[in-house]
Amino acid sequence: MRKKELAQIVIDRLKNEYPYTDCTLDYDEAWKLLVSVRLAAQCTDARVNVVVQDLYARFPDIEALANADVDEIEAIVKPCGLGKSKAKDISACMKMLRDVYDCKVPDNMDDLLKLPGVGRKSANLIMGDVYGQPAIVTDTHCIRLSNRIGLVDNEKDPKKVEMALWKIIPPEESNNFCHRMVDHGRAVCTARTTPHCDKCVLEDICKKHIK
């Protein structure tokens, strides 16, 4: 079976298994998603959703966060881990949004990638979830499942996985496909426990590259 054919089967089955899918980071403005996805590195979305409540209560908009003392930001976001580097990135990112982009989050990949602390994963998430554009977010779940299923071959580099998936995932399916890979990775094709292959809707087509 060709990878494009395999990808379509995966898309169809995951769509049936997880008909309602979305980003699990809470946000109501684009800049808040930028902050949350930076905090989510090596931290659960659930914890981020709790921590940002205090952050936004103290700094309710881009300008307030841009003007904030980095140490104060760090004190609030410390429970997410890597507090010093995350606070520094968030501060610099908000300053750039204020000074260069008139407090508006860019709607294109090139400008998003210029923002401090924003990599391709974050930029794709903004493009897909905020601006409704085709986007492939290669987080740890997407990378793990893509290798196990056989959509990519022993490739762990996020950008290389993204580029490989662009070749086989229809653009209109890309954003929700990645969210469903996260859903499936959390519920069934787990990382820290033995995957629940007996409950998997992809069991009969999976390459089972499990290490």
N, C-alpha and C. Protein backbone atom coordinates (compact mmCIF):
# COMPACT_ATOMS: atom_id res chain seq x y z
N MET A 1 0.84 -1.20 0.00
CA MET A 1 0.00 0.00 0.00
C MET A 1 0.88 1.25 0.00
N ARG A 2 0.59 2.18 -0.88
CA ARG A 2 1.35 3.41 -0.94
C ARG A 2 1.03 4.29 0.28
N LYS A 3 1.97 5.14 0.64
CA LYS A 3 1.79 5.98 1.82
C LYS A 3 0.58 6.91 1.70
N LYS A 4 0.32 7.40 0.51
CA LYS A 4 -0.83 8.29 0.34
C LYS A 4 -2.14 7.53 0.57
N GLU A 5 -2.19 6.30 0.13
CA GLU A 5 -3.37 5.46 0.36
C GLU A 5 -3.51 5.14 1.86
N LEU A 6 -2.39 4.81 2.48
CA LEU A 6 -2.40 4.54 3.91
C LEU A 6 -2.87 5.77 4.68
N ALA A 7 -2.37 6.92 4.28
CA ALA A 7 -2.74 8.16 4.97
C ALA A 7 -4.24 8.41 4.88
N GLN A 8 -4.84 8.15 3.75
CA GLN A 8 -6.28 8.39 3.59
C GLN A 8 -7.09 7.46 4.49
N ILE A 9 -6.64 6.21 4.62
CA ILE A 9 -7.34 5.28 5.51
C ILE A 9 -7.23 5.76 6.96
N VAL A 10 -6.02 6.20 7.34
CA VAL A 10 -5.81 6.72 8.70
C VAL A 10 -6.71 7.92 8.95
N ILE A 11 -6.76 8.83 8.01
CA ILE A 11 -7.61 10.02 8.13
C ILE A 11 -9.07 9.61 8.35
N ASP A 12 -9.56 8.72 7.50
CA ASP A 12 -10.96 8.32 7.56
C ASP A 12 -11.31 7.63 8.89
N ARG A 13 -10.43 6.76 9.33
CA ARG A 13 -10.72 6.01 10.56
C ARG A 13 -10.62 6.89 11.80
N LEU A 14 -9.64 7.75 11.83
CA LEU A 14 -9.52 8.64 12.99
C LEU A 14 -10.65 9.66 13.02
N LYS A 15 -11.10 10.06 11.85
CA LYS A 15 -12.23 10.99 11.78
C LYS A 15 -13.49 10.34 12.34
N ASN A 16 -13.65 9.07 12.07
CA ASN A 16 -14.80 8.33 12.59
C ASN A 16 -14.67 8.09 14.11
N GLU A 17 -13.45 7.85 14.55
CA GLU A 17 -13.19 7.56 15.97
C GLU A 17 -13.26 8.83 16.83
N TYR A 18 -12.77 9.93 16.28
CA TYR A 18 -12.73 11.20 17.02
C TYR A 18 -13.38 12.30 16.17
N PRO A 19 -14.69 12.26 16.04
CA PRO A 19 -15.37 13.20 15.14
C PRO A 19 -15.23 14.65 15.58
N TYR A 20 -15.14 14.87 16.87
CA TYR A 20 -15.02 16.23 17.40
C TYR A 20 -13.63 16.40 18.00
N THR A 21 -12.80 17.13 17.31
CA THR A 21 -11.42 17.29 17.77
C THR A 21 -11.04 18.76 17.73
N ASP A 22 -10.14 19.14 18.61
CA ASP A 22 -9.71 20.54 18.65
C ASP A 22 -8.44 20.63 19.49
N CYS A 23 -7.83 21.77 19.47
CA CYS A 23 -6.68 22.04 20.33
C CYS A 23 -7.13 22.00 21.79
N THR A 24 -6.34 21.38 22.64
CA THR A 24 -6.72 21.27 24.05
C THR A 24 -6.13 22.37 24.92
N LEU A 25 -5.46 23.33 24.29
CA LEU A 25 -5.02 24.52 25.01
C LEU A 25 -6.15 25.55 24.98
N ASP A 26 -6.47 26.12 26.13
CA ASP A 26 -7.55 27.10 26.20
C ASP A 26 -7.05 28.48 25.76
N TYR A 27 -7.79 29.13 24.88
CA TYR A 27 -7.43 30.48 24.46
C TYR A 27 -8.63 31.13 23.79
N ASP A 28 -8.68 32.45 23.85
CA ASP A 28 -9.74 33.18 23.14
C ASP A 28 -9.17 34.29 22.27
N GLU A 29 -7.84 34.40 22.26
CA GLU A 29 -7.15 35.34 21.38
C GLU A 29 -5.88 34.68 20.88
N ALA A 30 -5.44 35.07 19.68
CA ALA A 30 -4.30 34.41 19.05
C ALA A 30 -3.03 34.50 19.90
N TRP A 31 -2.79 35.66 20.53
CA TRP A 31 -1.56 35.82 21.30
C TRP A 31 -1.54 34.88 22.51
N LYS A 32 -2.70 34.57 23.03
CA LYS A 32 -2.76 33.65 24.17
C LYS A 32 -2.38 32.23 23.74
N LEU A 33 -2.72 31.86 22.52
CA LEU A 33 -2.32 30.54 22.03
C LEU A 33 -0.80 30.50 21.86
N LEU A 34 -0.21 31.60 21.40
CA LEU A 34 1.24 31.66 21.29
C LEU A 34 1.89 31.45 22.66
N VAL A 35 1.37 32.12 23.67
CA VAL A 35 1.91 31.97 25.03
C VAL A 35 1.74 30.53 25.52
N SER A 36 0.55 30.00 25.33
CA SER A 36 0.26 28.66 25.86
C SER A 36 1.10 27.58 25.19
N VAL A 37 1.28 27.69 23.88
CA VAL A 37 2.04 26.63 23.20
C VAL A 37 3.51 26.70 23.59
N ARG A 38 4.01 27.88 23.93
CA ARG A 38 5.39 27.98 24.43
C ARG A 38 5.49 27.33 25.81
N LEU A 39 4.49 27.56 26.65
CA LEU A 39 4.50 26.97 27.98
C LEU A 39 4.30 25.46 27.94
N ALA A 40 3.68 24.96 26.87
CA ALA A 40 3.34 23.54 26.79
C ALA A 40 4.55 22.65 26.51
N ALA A 41 5.69 23.23 26.17
CA ALA A 41 6.88 22.42 25.94
C ALA A 41 7.24 21.68 27.22
N GLN A 42 7.28 20.35 27.15
CA GLN A 42 7.59 19.49 28.30
C GLN A 42 6.64 19.73 29.46
N CYS A 43 5.40 20.07 29.15
CA CYS A 43 4.38 20.29 30.17
C CYS A 43 3.04 19.89 29.58
N THR A 44 2.12 19.43 30.42
CA THR A 44 0.81 19.04 29.92
C THR A 44 -0.06 20.25 29.61
N ASP A 45 -0.93 20.10 28.64
CA ASP A 45 -1.87 21.17 28.30
C ASP A 45 -2.75 21.51 29.50
N ALA A 46 -3.13 20.50 30.26
CA ALA A 46 -4.00 20.72 31.41
C ALA A 46 -3.34 21.66 32.42
N ARG A 47 -2.07 21.45 32.68
CA ARG A 47 -1.37 22.33 33.63
C ARG A 47 -1.23 23.74 33.05
N VAL A 48 -0.90 23.83 31.78
CA VAL A 48 -0.78 25.15 31.14
C VAL A 48 -2.09 25.92 31.28
N ASN A 49 -3.21 25.24 31.04
CA ASN A 49 -4.51 25.91 31.11
C ASN A 49 -4.79 26.49 32.49
N VAL A 50 -4.24 25.87 33.52
CA VAL A 50 -4.41 26.40 34.89
C VAL A 50 -3.47 27.58 35.12
N VAL A 51 -2.21 27.42 34.73
CA VAL A 51 -1.20 28.44 35.00
C VAL A 51 -1.52 29.76 34.29
N VAL A 52 -1.98 29.68 33.04
CA VAL A 52 -2.20 30.93 32.29
C VAL A 52 -3.33 31.76 32.87
N GLN A 53 -4.20 31.16 33.65
CA GLN A 53 -5.27 31.96 34.27
C GLN A 53 -4.67 33.05 35.15
N ASP A 54 -3.66 32.70 35.94
CA ASP A 54 -3.00 33.70 36.79
C ASP A 54 -2.20 34.69 35.94
N LEU A 55 -1.59 34.19 34.87
CA LEU A 55 -0.79 35.07 34.02
C LEU A 55 -1.66 36.14 33.36
N TYR A 56 -2.81 35.74 32.83
CA TYR A 56 -3.68 36.69 32.14
C TYR A 56 -4.44 37.60 33.11
N ALA A 57 -4.66 37.13 34.31
CA ALA A 57 -5.28 37.99 35.32
C ALA A 57 -4.34 39.14 35.68
N ARG A 58 -3.05 38.84 35.69
CA ARG A 58 -2.05 39.87 36.02
C ARG A 58 -1.71 40.72 34.80
N PHE A 59 -1.63 40.08 33.62
CA PHE A 59 -1.25 40.78 32.38
C PHE A 59 -2.30 40.46 31.30
N PRO A 60 -3.34 41.25 31.19
CA PRO A 60 -4.51 40.89 30.38
C PRO A 60 -4.39 41.11 28.88
N ASP A 61 -3.30 41.72 28.41
CA ASP A 61 -3.18 41.92 26.96
C ASP A 61 -1.71 41.94 26.56
N ILE A 62 -1.47 42.03 25.26
CA ILE A 62 -0.10 41.97 24.73
C ILE A 62 0.77 43.07 25.34
N GLU A 63 0.26 44.28 25.39
CA GLU A 63 1.06 45.39 25.89
C GLU A 63 1.43 45.20 27.36
N ALA A 64 0.48 44.74 28.15
CA ALA A 64 0.77 44.52 29.57
C ALA A 64 1.84 43.46 29.76
N LEU A 65 1.77 42.39 28.97
CA LEU A 65 2.75 41.31 29.09
C LEU A 65 4.10 41.75 28.53
N ALA A 66 4.09 42.57 27.49
CA ALA A 66 5.33 43.10 26.92
C ALA A 66 6.04 44.01 27.91
N ASN A 67 5.28 44.72 28.72
CA ASN A 67 5.85 45.65 29.69
C ASN A 67 6.22 44.98 31.01
N ALA A 68 5.83 43.74 31.18
CA ALA A 68 6.04 43.04 32.44
C ALA A 68 7.51 42.73 32.68
N ASP A 69 7.88 42.69 33.94
CA ASP A 69 9.22 42.25 34.33
C ASP A 69 9.34 40.75 34.08
N VAL A 70 10.42 40.35 33.43
CA VAL A 70 10.60 38.94 33.08
C VAL A 70 10.58 38.05 34.33
N ASP A 71 11.14 38.55 35.42
CA ASP A 71 11.15 37.76 36.65
C ASP A 71 9.74 37.51 37.18
N GLU A 72 8.86 38.49 36.98
CA GLU A 72 7.48 38.31 37.43
C GLU A 72 6.75 37.29 36.56
N ILE A 73 7.03 37.33 35.27
CA ILE A 73 6.46 36.32 34.37
C ILE A 73 6.95 34.93 34.79
N GLU A 74 8.26 34.84 35.03
CA GLU A 74 8.84 33.55 35.42
C GLU A 74 8.21 33.01 36.69
N ALA A 75 7.95 33.85 37.65
CA ALA A 75 7.37 33.40 38.92
C ALA A 75 5.99 32.77 38.71
N ILE A 76 5.26 33.29 37.73
CA ILE A 76 3.92 32.77 37.47
C ILE A 76 3.96 31.48 36.66
N VAL A 77 4.86 31.41 35.66
CA VAL A 77 4.86 30.26 34.74
C VAL A 77 5.78 29.14 35.21
N LYS A 78 6.46 29.33 36.32
CA LYS A 78 7.42 28.33 36.82
C LYS A 78 6.83 26.92 36.95
N PRO A 79 5.56 26.75 37.35
CA PRO A 79 5.00 25.40 37.45
C PRO A 79 4.99 24.62 36.13
N CYS A 80 5.14 25.32 35.01
CA CYS A 80 5.18 24.64 33.70
C CYS A 80 6.56 24.09 33.38
N GLY A 81 7.55 24.40 34.22
CA GLY A 81 8.91 23.95 33.96
C GLY A 81 9.63 24.89 33.01
N LEU A 82 10.97 24.88 33.08
CA LEU A 82 11.80 25.72 32.21
C LEU A 82 11.37 27.18 32.29
N GLY A 83 11.03 27.61 33.50
CA GLY A 83 10.43 28.92 33.69
C GLY A 83 11.27 30.07 33.17
N LYS A 84 12.57 30.02 33.37
CA LYS A 84 13.42 31.14 32.96
C LYS A 84 13.41 31.34 31.45
N SER A 85 13.63 30.26 30.70
CA SER A 85 13.69 30.38 29.24
C SER A 85 12.31 30.69 28.65
N LYS A 86 11.27 30.09 29.23
CA LYS A 86 9.92 30.35 28.72
C LYS A 86 9.51 31.80 28.98
N ALA A 87 9.81 32.30 30.16
CA ALA A 87 9.47 33.69 30.49
C ALA A 87 10.21 34.65 29.57
N LYS A 88 11.48 34.37 29.32
CA LYS A 88 12.28 35.22 28.44
C LYS A 88 11.70 35.24 27.03
N ASP A 89 11.33 34.06 26.51
CA ASP A 89 10.76 33.98 25.16
C ASP A 89 9.41 34.70 25.08
N ILE A 90 8.57 34.50 26.09
CA ILE A 90 7.25 35.12 26.10
C ILE A 90 7.39 36.64 26.13
N SER A 91 8.28 37.13 26.96
CA SER A 91 8.50 38.57 27.05
C SER A 91 8.97 39.13 25.72
N ALA A 92 9.96 38.51 25.12
CA ALA A 92 10.51 38.99 23.85
C ALA A 92 9.47 38.90 22.73
N CYS A 93 8.68 37.84 22.74
CA CYS A 93 7.64 37.66 21.71
C CYS A 93 6.59 38.76 21.82
N MET A 94 6.13 39.04 23.03
CA MET A 94 5.12 40.07 23.21
C MET A 94 5.66 41.46 22.85
N LYS A 95 6.93 41.70 23.15
CA LYS A 95 7.55 42.97 22.77
C LYS A 95 7.57 43.14 21.25
N MET A 96 7.89 42.06 20.55
CA MET A 96 7.94 42.13 19.09
C MET A 96 6.53 42.32 18.50
N LEU A 97 5.55 41.63 19.09
CA LEU A 97 4.17 41.83 18.63
C LEU A 97 3.75 43.29 18.82
N ARG A 98 4.14 43.87 19.95
CA ARG A 98 3.80 45.27 20.24
C ARG A 98 4.53 46.24 19.31
N ASP A 99 5.83 46.03 19.15
CA ASP A 99 6.67 47.02 18.47
C ASP A 99 6.68 46.87 16.95
N VAL A 100 6.50 45.65 16.46
CA VAL A 100 6.63 45.40 15.02
C VAL A 100 5.28 45.12 14.35
N TYR A 101 4.39 44.45 15.07
CA TYR A 101 3.15 43.99 14.44
C TYR A 101 1.89 44.65 15.00
N ASP A 102 2.06 45.79 15.67
CA ASP A 102 0.91 46.57 16.15
C ASP A 102 -0.04 45.72 17.00
N CYS A 103 0.54 44.88 17.83
CA CYS A 103 -0.21 44.02 18.75
C CYS A 103 -1.15 43.04 18.02
N LYS A 104 -0.76 42.65 16.81
CA LYS A 104 -1.53 41.65 16.06
C LYS A 104 -0.62 40.47 15.75
N VAL A 105 -1.15 39.28 15.92
CA VAL A 105 -0.38 38.08 15.61
C VAL A 105 -0.34 37.88 14.10
N PRO A 106 0.83 37.73 13.51
CA PRO A 106 0.93 37.56 12.05
C PRO A 106 0.11 36.38 11.54
N ASP A 107 -0.34 36.49 10.30
CA ASP A 107 -1.16 35.43 9.71
C ASP A 107 -0.41 34.69 8.61
N ASN A 108 0.93 34.73 8.66
CA ASN A 108 1.72 34.00 7.67
C ASN A 108 2.92 33.36 8.35
N MET A 109 3.38 32.27 7.78
CA MET A 109 4.43 31.47 8.40
C MET A 109 5.74 32.23 8.56
N ASP A 110 6.13 32.99 7.54
CA ASP A 110 7.41 33.69 7.59
C ASP A 110 7.49 34.64 8.77
N ASP A 111 6.44 35.44 8.97
CA ASP A 111 6.46 36.40 10.07
C ASP A 111 6.31 35.71 11.42
N LEU A 112 5.51 34.66 11.48
CA LEU A 112 5.38 33.92 12.74
C LEU A 112 6.72 33.36 13.20
N LEU A 113 7.50 32.87 12.26
CA LEU A 113 8.78 32.26 12.61
C LEU A 113 9.82 33.28 13.02
N LYS A 114 9.55 34.56 12.80
CA LYS A 114 10.45 35.62 13.27
C LYS A 114 10.26 35.91 14.75
N LEU A 115 9.14 35.48 15.30
CA LEU A 115 8.83 35.77 16.70
C LEU A 115 9.69 34.93 17.63
N PRO A 116 10.26 35.51 18.67
CA PRO A 116 11.09 34.75 19.63
C PRO A 116 10.31 33.59 20.25
N GLY A 117 10.95 32.43 20.28
CA GLY A 117 10.34 31.26 20.90
C GLY A 117 9.31 30.55 20.04
N VAL A 118 9.11 31.02 18.82
CA VAL A 118 8.10 30.41 17.94
C VAL A 118 8.81 29.58 16.87
N GLY A 119 8.57 28.26 16.91
CA GLY A 119 9.10 27.37 15.90
C GLY A 119 8.01 26.94 14.95
N ARG A 120 8.30 25.98 14.12
CA ARG A 120 7.34 25.56 13.11
C ARG A 120 6.09 24.95 13.73
N LYS A 121 6.25 24.23 14.84
CA LYS A 121 5.08 23.63 15.48
C LYS A 121 4.11 24.71 15.94
N SER A 122 4.62 25.70 16.63
CA SER A 122 3.77 26.79 17.12
C SER A 122 3.16 27.57 15.97
N ALA A 123 3.98 27.86 14.96
CA ALA A 123 3.50 28.63 13.82
C ALA A 123 2.39 27.89 13.07
N ASN A 124 2.57 26.59 12.89
CA ASN A 124 1.53 25.80 12.23
C ASN A 124 0.25 25.77 13.05
N LEU A 125 0.39 25.70 14.37
CA LEU A 125 -0.80 25.69 15.21
C LEU A 125 -1.59 26.98 15.06
N ILE A 126 -0.89 28.11 15.02
CA ILE A 126 -1.55 29.40 14.81
C ILE A 126 -2.20 29.45 13.43
N MET A 127 -1.48 29.02 12.42
CA MET A 127 -2.02 29.06 11.05
C MET A 127 -3.27 28.20 10.93
N GLY A 128 -3.26 27.03 11.56
CA GLY A 128 -4.40 26.14 11.44
C GLY A 128 -5.56 26.50 12.33
N ASP A 129 -5.30 26.71 13.62
CA ASP A 129 -6.38 26.90 14.58
C ASP A 129 -6.92 28.32 14.60
N VAL A 130 -6.06 29.30 14.39
CA VAL A 130 -6.51 30.70 14.44
C VAL A 130 -6.96 31.18 13.07
N TYR A 131 -6.17 30.87 12.05
CA TYR A 131 -6.44 31.43 10.73
C TYR A 131 -7.06 30.45 9.74
N GLY A 132 -7.31 29.21 10.18
CA GLY A 132 -8.02 28.25 9.35
C GLY A 132 -7.30 27.85 8.08
N GLN A 133 -5.97 27.92 8.11
CA GLN A 133 -5.17 27.54 6.96
C GLN A 133 -4.66 26.10 7.10
N PRO A 134 -4.31 25.44 6.01
CA PRO A 134 -3.71 24.12 6.13
C PRO A 134 -2.48 24.17 7.03
N ALA A 135 -2.37 23.19 7.92
CA ALA A 135 -1.27 23.21 8.88
C ALA A 135 -0.99 21.80 9.37
N ILE A 136 0.28 21.48 9.49
CA ILE A 136 0.69 20.19 10.04
C ILE A 136 1.56 20.45 11.26
N VAL A 137 1.03 20.12 12.42
CA VAL A 137 1.72 20.34 13.69
C VAL A 137 2.39 19.03 14.11
N THR A 138 3.70 18.99 13.99
CA THR A 138 4.42 17.75 14.30
C THR A 138 4.88 17.77 15.76
N ASP A 139 3.93 17.53 16.65
CA ASP A 139 4.27 17.40 18.06
C ASP A 139 4.72 15.96 18.32
N THR A 140 4.98 15.63 19.57
CA THR A 140 5.52 14.30 19.88
C THR A 140 4.55 13.18 19.50
N HIS A 141 3.25 13.42 19.67
CA HIS A 141 2.27 12.38 19.31
C HIS A 141 2.28 12.15 17.80
N CYS A 142 2.25 13.21 17.04
CA CYS A 142 2.22 13.09 15.58
C CYS A 142 3.47 12.38 15.07
N ILE A 143 4.62 12.73 15.62
CA ILE A 143 5.87 12.10 15.18
C ILE A 143 5.88 10.62 15.56
N ARG A 144 5.50 10.31 16.78
CA ARG A 144 5.50 8.91 17.25
C ARG A 144 4.56 8.06 16.42
N LEU A 145 3.32 8.51 16.26
CA LEU A 145 2.33 7.72 15.53
C LEU A 145 2.66 7.60 14.05
N SER A 146 3.16 8.67 13.45
CA SER A 146 3.50 8.62 12.03
C SER A 146 4.56 7.55 11.76
N ASN A 147 5.52 7.41 12.69
CA ASN A 147 6.55 6.38 12.55
C ASN A 147 5.98 4.99 12.80
N ARG A 148 5.18 4.86 13.85
CA ARG A 148 4.64 3.54 14.18
C ARG A 148 3.72 3.02 13.07
N ILE A 149 2.88 3.90 12.58
CA ILE A 149 1.90 3.50 11.56
C ILE A 149 2.58 3.21 10.24
N GLY A 150 3.66 3.94 9.95
CA GLY A 150 4.36 3.76 8.68
C GLY A 150 4.14 4.89 7.70
N LEU A 151 3.63 6.01 8.18
CA LEU A 151 3.45 7.18 7.31
C LEU A 151 4.79 7.83 7.00
N VAL A 152 5.74 7.70 7.93
CA VAL A 152 7.12 8.10 7.69
C VAL A 152 8.01 6.95 8.16
N ASP A 153 9.24 6.95 7.69
CA ASP A 153 10.13 5.83 7.97
C ASP A 153 11.30 6.25 8.86
N ASN A 154 11.20 5.89 10.14
CA ASN A 154 12.28 6.12 11.09
C ASN A 154 12.79 7.56 11.04
N GLU A 155 11.86 8.50 11.08
CA GLU A 155 12.22 9.92 11.01
C GLU A 155 11.69 10.62 12.25
N LYS A 156 12.58 11.22 13.02
CA LYS A 156 12.19 11.87 14.27
C LYS A 156 12.31 13.40 14.20
N ASP A 157 12.99 13.92 13.19
CA ASP A 157 13.13 15.36 13.08
C ASP A 157 11.78 16.00 12.73
N PRO A 158 11.28 16.93 13.57
CA PRO A 158 9.93 17.48 13.35
C PRO A 158 9.72 18.09 11.97
N LYS A 159 10.68 18.85 11.48
CA LYS A 159 10.50 19.48 10.17
C LYS A 159 10.47 18.45 9.06
N LYS A 160 11.32 17.43 9.14
CA LYS A 160 11.34 16.38 8.11
C LYS A 160 10.05 15.58 8.13
N VAL A 161 9.51 15.32 9.33
CA VAL A 161 8.23 14.63 9.43
C VAL A 161 7.13 15.51 8.81
N GLU A 162 7.16 16.79 9.13
CA GLU A 162 6.17 17.71 8.57
C GLU A 162 6.22 17.69 7.04
N MET A 163 7.41 17.81 6.48
CA MET A 163 7.55 17.85 5.02
C MET A 163 7.09 16.54 4.38
N ALA A 164 7.37 15.42 5.06
CA ALA A 164 6.93 14.12 4.53
C ALA A 164 5.40 14.01 4.55
N LEU A 165 4.78 14.51 5.62
CA LEU A 165 3.32 14.42 5.74
C LEU A 165 2.62 15.34 4.74
N TRP A 166 3.23 16.49 4.44
CA TRP A 166 2.62 17.37 3.44
C TRP A 166 2.43 16.66 2.11
N LYS A 167 3.30 15.68 1.82
CA LYS A 167 3.23 14.97 0.53
C LYS A 167 2.08 13.98 0.47
N ILE A 168 1.54 13.58 1.64
CA ILE A 168 0.53 12.52 1.63
C ILE A 168 -0.78 12.89 2.32
N ILE A 169 -0.81 14.00 3.03
CA ILE A 169 -2.02 14.44 3.73
C ILE A 169 -2.68 15.56 2.93
N PRO A 170 -3.93 15.42 2.50
CA PRO A 170 -4.61 16.50 1.78
C PRO A 170 -4.64 17.77 2.64
N PRO A 171 -4.34 18.92 2.06
CA PRO A 171 -4.27 20.17 2.85
C PRO A 171 -5.52 20.43 3.68
N GLU A 172 -6.69 20.13 3.11
CA GLU A 172 -7.94 20.42 3.83
C GLU A 172 -8.15 19.51 5.04
N GLU A 173 -7.39 18.42 5.11
CA GLU A 173 -7.50 17.49 6.24
C GLU A 173 -6.39 17.70 7.27
N SER A 174 -5.40 18.50 6.91
CA SER A 174 -4.15 18.52 7.68
C SER A 174 -4.32 18.93 9.14
N ASN A 175 -5.04 19.99 9.38
CA ASN A 175 -5.12 20.51 10.75
C ASN A 175 -5.83 19.53 11.68
N ASN A 176 -7.01 19.07 11.28
CA ASN A 176 -7.75 18.13 12.13
C ASN A 176 -7.06 16.77 12.22
N PHE A 177 -6.36 16.38 11.15
CA PHE A 177 -5.58 15.14 11.19
C PHE A 177 -4.60 15.17 12.36
N CYS A 178 -3.89 16.29 12.51
CA CYS A 178 -2.89 16.39 13.58
C CYS A 178 -3.54 16.38 14.95
N HIS A 179 -4.68 17.06 15.08
CA HIS A 179 -5.38 17.03 16.37
C HIS A 179 -5.84 15.61 16.70
N ARG A 180 -6.28 14.88 15.70
CA ARG A 180 -6.74 13.50 15.95
C ARG A 180 -5.58 12.57 16.26
N MET A 181 -4.41 12.85 15.70
CA MET A 181 -3.23 12.06 16.07
C MET A 181 -2.91 12.26 17.55
N VAL A 182 -3.09 13.48 18.04
CA VAL A 182 -2.90 13.74 19.47
C VAL A 182 -3.94 12.98 20.28
N ASP A 183 -5.21 13.05 19.86
CA ASP A 183 -6.27 12.32 20.56
C ASP A 183 -5.95 10.84 20.64
N HIS A 184 -5.52 10.28 19.52
CA HIS A 184 -5.24 8.84 19.46
C HIS A 184 -3.98 8.49 20.26
N GLY A 185 -3.00 9.38 20.21
CA GLY A 185 -1.76 9.15 20.96
C GLY A 185 -1.97 9.17 22.45
N ARG A 186 -2.90 9.98 22.91
CA ARG A 186 -3.18 10.05 24.34
C ARG A 186 -4.05 8.89 24.81
N ALA A 187 -4.99 8.49 23.97
CA ALA A 187 -5.98 7.50 24.40
C ALA A 187 -5.55 6.06 24.13
N VAL A 188 -4.86 5.82 23.01
CA VAL A 188 -4.62 4.44 22.56
C VAL A 188 -3.14 4.16 22.27
N CYS A 189 -2.57 4.92 21.36
CA CYS A 189 -1.19 4.66 20.92
C CYS A 189 -0.22 5.43 21.81
N THR A 190 -0.17 5.03 23.06
CA THR A 190 0.51 5.78 24.10
C THR A 190 2.03 5.62 24.05
N ALA A 191 2.71 6.55 24.73
CA ALA A 191 4.17 6.55 24.72
C ALA A 191 4.75 5.93 25.99
N ARG A 192 4.17 6.26 27.14
CA ARG A 192 4.76 5.85 28.41
C ARG A 192 4.25 4.52 28.93
N THR A 193 3.24 3.98 28.28
CA THR A 193 2.76 2.64 28.60
C THR A 193 2.72 1.84 27.31
N THR A 194 2.49 0.56 27.42
CA THR A 194 2.36 -0.26 26.22
C THR A 194 1.14 0.19 25.42
N PRO A 195 1.30 0.47 24.12
CA PRO A 195 0.15 0.90 23.32
C PRO A 195 -0.99 -0.11 23.37
N HIS A 196 -2.21 0.38 23.35
CA HIS A 196 -3.39 -0.48 23.43
C HIS A 196 -3.80 -0.94 22.03
N CYS A 197 -2.94 -1.77 21.42
CA CYS A 197 -3.17 -2.19 20.04
C CYS A 197 -4.49 -2.95 19.87
N ASP A 198 -4.93 -3.65 20.93
CA ASP A 198 -6.16 -4.42 20.85
C ASP A 198 -7.39 -3.52 20.73
N LYS A 199 -7.24 -2.24 21.07
CA LYS A 199 -8.35 -1.29 21.00
C LYS A 199 -8.20 -0.31 19.83
N CYS A 200 -7.18 -0.50 19.01
CA CYS A 200 -6.82 0.49 18.00
C CYS A 200 -7.57 0.28 16.68
N VAL A 201 -8.14 1.34 16.16
CA VAL A 201 -8.89 1.26 14.90
C VAL A 201 -7.94 1.16 13.71
N LEU A 202 -6.65 1.29 13.96
CA LEU A 202 -5.66 1.20 12.88
C LEU A 202 -4.85 -0.10 12.95
N GLU A 203 -5.23 -0.97 13.87
CA GLU A 203 -4.41 -2.16 14.17
C GLU A 203 -4.09 -2.98 12.93
N ASP A 204 -5.03 -3.14 12.02
CA ASP A 204 -4.83 -4.02 10.86
C ASP A 204 -3.99 -3.40 9.76
N ILE A 205 -3.77 -2.09 9.81
CA ILE A 205 -2.97 -1.44 8.77
C ILE A 205 -1.67 -0.84 9.32
N CYS A 206 -1.49 -0.91 10.63
CA CYS A 206 -0.34 -0.29 11.28
C CYS A 206 0.92 -1.10 11.05
N LYS A 207 2.03 -0.43 10.82
CA LYS A 207 3.31 -1.11 10.63
C LYS A 207 3.90 -1.56 11.96
N LYS A 208 3.36 -1.00 13.06
CA LYS A 208 3.77 -1.37 14.41
C LYS A 208 5.28 -1.24 14.63
N HIS A 209 5.81 -0.09 14.27
CA HIS A 209 7.21 0.18 14.54
C HIS A 209 7.31 0.71 15.97
N ILE A 210 7.15 -0.18 16.92
CA ILE A 210 7.11 0.20 18.33
C ILE A 210 8.43 -0.19 18.99
N LYS A 211 9.05 0.82 19.61
CA LYS A 211 10.33 0.57 20.30
C LYS A 211 10.18 0.91 21.77
